[in-house]
Structure formats: structure tokens, C-alpha cells
N, C-alpha and C. Protein backbone atom coordinates (compact mmCIF):
# COMPACT_ATOMS: atom_id res chain seq x y z
N ASP A 1 18.01 -80.63 91.44
CA ASP A 1 17.86 -82.08 91.43
C ASP A 1 17.24 -82.75 92.89
N LYS A 2 16.30 -81.67 93.44
CA LYS A 2 15.65 -82.07 94.74
C LYS A 2 14.11 -81.91 94.36
N LEU A 3 13.33 -82.88 94.87
CA LEU A 3 12.12 -82.98 94.82
C LEU A 3 11.46 -82.02 96.16
N VAL A 4 11.04 -80.89 95.88
CA VAL A 4 10.53 -80.21 97.18
C VAL A 4 9.14 -80.29 97.58
N GLU A 5 8.26 -80.77 96.48
CA GLU A 5 6.75 -81.02 96.60
C GLU A 5 6.44 -82.08 95.59
N LYS A 6 5.70 -82.91 96.41
CA LYS A 6 5.05 -84.11 95.31
C LYS A 6 3.44 -84.06 95.60
N ASP A 7 2.75 -84.19 94.42
CA ASP A 7 1.46 -84.37 94.29
C ASP A 7 0.75 -82.92 94.83
N PHE A 8 1.34 -81.75 94.62
CA PHE A 8 0.74 -80.46 95.28
C PHE A 8 -0.48 -80.02 94.60
N ASP A 9 -1.56 -79.88 95.15
CA ASP A 9 -2.73 -79.52 94.70
C ASP A 9 -3.05 -78.27 94.99
N ILE A 10 -2.86 -77.25 93.79
CA ILE A 10 -2.82 -75.91 94.23
C ILE A 10 -4.22 -75.57 94.31
N GLU A 11 -5.32 -76.12 93.72
CA GLU A 11 -6.65 -75.85 93.72
C GLU A 11 -7.23 -76.08 95.28
N ALA A 12 -6.78 -77.01 96.08
CA ALA A 12 -6.97 -77.64 97.39
C ALA A 12 -6.44 -76.39 98.24
N LYS A 13 -5.04 -76.01 97.89
CA LYS A 13 -4.43 -75.18 99.07
C LYS A 13 -4.73 -73.69 98.68
N ALA A 14 -5.05 -73.35 97.55
CA ALA A 14 -5.35 -71.60 97.28
C ALA A 14 -6.48 -71.22 98.04
N PRO A 15 -6.22 -69.71 98.62
CA PRO A 15 -7.53 -69.33 99.32
C PRO A 15 -8.70 -68.89 98.35
N GLY A 16 -8.66 -69.19 97.14
CA GLY A 16 -9.88 -69.01 96.32
C GLY A 16 -9.36 -68.21 94.98
N VAL A 17 -10.40 -68.08 94.25
CA VAL A 17 -9.97 -67.31 92.82
C VAL A 17 -9.56 -65.95 93.01
N LEU A 18 -8.52 -65.42 92.40
CA LEU A 18 -7.80 -64.29 92.37
C LEU A 18 -7.15 -63.85 93.52
N ASN A 19 -6.86 -65.09 94.61
CA ASN A 19 -6.15 -64.76 95.71
C ASN A 19 -4.84 -65.49 95.43
N PRO A 20 -3.69 -64.99 95.81
CA PRO A 20 -2.48 -65.47 95.51
C PRO A 20 -2.15 -66.60 96.61
N LEU A 21 -1.73 -67.63 96.35
CA LEU A 21 -1.04 -68.51 97.18
C LEU A 21 0.45 -68.19 97.26
N ILE A 22 1.02 -67.77 98.38
CA ILE A 22 2.48 -67.74 98.64
C ILE A 22 3.10 -68.82 99.43
N VAL A 23 4.05 -69.40 98.80
CA VAL A 23 4.71 -70.46 99.36
C VAL A 23 6.03 -70.18 99.43
N PRO A 24 6.67 -70.01 100.70
CA PRO A 24 8.08 -69.44 100.41
C PRO A 24 9.10 -70.78 100.51
N TYR A 25 10.11 -70.76 99.65
CA TYR A 25 11.10 -71.94 99.71
C TYR A 25 12.53 -71.13 99.55
N ASN A 26 13.33 -71.89 100.29
CA ASN A 26 14.75 -71.82 100.22
C ASN A 26 15.44 -72.56 99.19
N ALA A 27 16.49 -71.94 98.70
CA ALA A 27 17.04 -72.51 97.47
C ALA A 27 18.55 -72.00 97.14
N ASN A 28 19.27 -73.09 96.83
CA ASN A 28 20.71 -72.45 96.57
C ASN A 28 20.80 -72.24 95.01
N VAL A 29 21.83 -71.01 94.85
CA VAL A 29 21.90 -70.59 93.53
C VAL A 29 23.34 -70.68 93.40
N THR A 30 23.63 -71.61 91.95
CA THR A 30 25.06 -71.90 91.72
C THR A 30 25.35 -71.14 90.51
N ASN A 31 26.61 -70.30 90.33
CA ASN A 31 26.86 -69.63 89.18
C ASN A 31 25.92 -68.73 88.71
N ASN A 32 25.07 -67.96 89.52
CA ASN A 32 24.05 -66.93 89.29
C ASN A 32 22.97 -67.57 88.60
N ILE A 33 22.63 -69.06 88.72
CA ILE A 33 21.72 -69.72 87.84
C ILE A 33 20.62 -70.37 89.16
N LEU A 34 19.56 -70.03 88.83
CA LEU A 34 18.57 -70.62 89.52
C LEU A 34 17.41 -71.42 88.72
N GLU A 35 17.43 -72.85 88.97
CA GLU A 35 16.67 -73.54 87.93
C GLU A 35 15.52 -74.25 88.79
N ILE A 36 14.22 -73.89 88.10
CA ILE A 36 13.34 -74.27 88.69
C ILE A 36 12.48 -75.28 87.56
N ARG A 37 12.21 -76.45 88.16
CA ARG A 37 11.35 -77.41 87.04
C ARG A 37 9.99 -77.83 87.64
N PHE A 38 8.91 -78.01 86.64
CA PHE A 38 7.83 -78.39 86.69
C PHE A 38 7.43 -79.67 86.15
N TYR A 39 7.21 -80.61 86.67
CA TYR A 39 6.81 -82.06 86.27
C TYR A 39 5.45 -82.18 86.32
N TRP A 40 4.82 -82.44 84.93
CA TRP A 40 3.30 -82.94 85.04
C TRP A 40 3.05 -84.28 85.33
N ALA A 41 2.30 -84.63 86.26
CA ALA A 41 2.04 -85.99 86.54
C ALA A 41 1.20 -86.79 85.43
N GLY A 42 0.55 -86.09 84.38
CA GLY A 42 0.06 -86.80 83.34
C GLY A 42 -1.39 -86.90 83.70
N LYS A 43 -2.06 -86.51 84.71
CA LYS A 43 -3.31 -86.61 85.21
C LYS A 43 -4.27 -85.82 84.19
N GLY A 44 -5.32 -86.33 83.70
CA GLY A 44 -6.40 -85.54 82.99
C GLY A 44 -5.82 -85.50 81.44
N THR A 45 -6.05 -84.35 80.93
CA THR A 45 -5.91 -84.10 79.21
C THR A 45 -5.31 -83.05 78.90
N THR A 46 -4.49 -82.83 77.98
CA THR A 46 -4.10 -81.59 77.30
C THR A 46 -4.90 -81.17 76.37
N ALA A 47 -6.03 -81.92 75.91
CA ALA A 47 -6.58 -81.64 74.69
C ALA A 47 -7.90 -80.74 75.11
N ILE A 48 -8.03 -79.56 74.79
CA ILE A 48 -9.06 -78.62 75.00
C ILE A 48 -9.77 -78.54 73.66
N PRO A 49 -11.39 -78.80 74.04
CA PRO A 49 -12.17 -78.44 74.92
C PRO A 49 -12.66 -79.59 75.84
N VAL A 50 -12.01 -80.79 75.84
CA VAL A 50 -12.20 -81.93 76.60
C VAL A 50 -12.09 -81.74 78.13
N GLY A 51 -12.90 -81.76 79.03
CA GLY A 51 -12.63 -81.68 80.39
C GLY A 51 -11.73 -82.39 81.09
N GLY A 52 -10.87 -81.92 82.02
CA GLY A 52 -9.85 -82.81 82.74
C GLY A 52 -8.85 -81.85 83.21
N VAL A 53 -7.81 -82.25 83.76
CA VAL A 53 -6.83 -81.58 84.34
C VAL A 53 -6.07 -81.35 83.42
N TYR A 54 -5.47 -79.92 83.13
CA TYR A 54 -4.72 -79.38 82.13
C TYR A 54 -3.31 -79.28 82.59
N GLY A 55 -2.50 -79.69 83.69
CA GLY A 55 -1.35 -79.37 83.99
C GLY A 55 -1.15 -78.42 85.09
N PRO A 56 0.16 -77.84 85.26
CA PRO A 56 0.38 -76.96 86.49
C PRO A 56 -0.56 -75.86 86.18
N LEU A 57 -0.83 -75.05 87.34
CA LEU A 57 -1.83 -73.79 87.43
C LEU A 57 -0.92 -72.80 87.87
N ILE A 58 0.31 -72.34 87.36
CA ILE A 58 1.01 -71.46 88.06
C ILE A 58 1.13 -70.09 86.95
N SER A 59 0.70 -69.09 87.62
CA SER A 59 0.89 -67.66 86.63
C SER A 59 2.13 -66.92 86.83
N ALA A 60 2.72 -67.09 88.17
CA ALA A 60 3.80 -66.01 88.46
C ALA A 60 4.76 -66.88 89.48
N ILE A 61 6.05 -66.70 89.39
CA ILE A 61 7.00 -66.82 90.46
C ILE A 61 7.65 -65.59 90.82
N SER A 62 7.89 -65.35 91.99
CA SER A 62 8.81 -64.18 92.44
C SER A 62 9.90 -64.84 93.12
N VAL A 63 11.32 -64.24 92.89
CA VAL A 63 12.27 -64.53 93.54
C VAL A 63 13.15 -63.47 94.36
N GLU A 64 13.34 -63.58 95.51
CA GLU A 64 14.16 -62.49 96.16
C GLU A 64 15.30 -63.01 96.79
N SER A 65 16.43 -62.25 96.80
CA SER A 65 17.70 -62.66 97.38
C SER A 65 17.79 -62.29 98.74
């Protein structure tokens, strides 16, 4: 229930195509549960093949204790 990033633009921050962007965060785990939520800002479109922004561009998440 805590906003960590607002209007995060992965395309602007990533070091290029096929290069990972590593952003470390600290999080609290309660009852062995880690909850991660992504909220789409609603910019662009979700209809392919029409051009636009298609939502989050996340391909992997790694968690370490």
C-alpha cells in the first residue's frame, strides 16, 4: 500500500535494448507474502496493431532475501 515509483519511464531509464535495468528496492514481507502491483496509467492504447503505449514493459523480477 505504498507508492514507490510514479510515472516511471523504463524506456527513458533503460541502458538500451537487451540491457537489463536493475533498480533495487527494500520491501517488507509479512506472513511470507511479498505483494507487487503494477498500475497502468492508461496512456496510449491496448489495441494491437494500432500504435501507442501498451502498458508496463516488465519482463522479469528478481527477489533476494
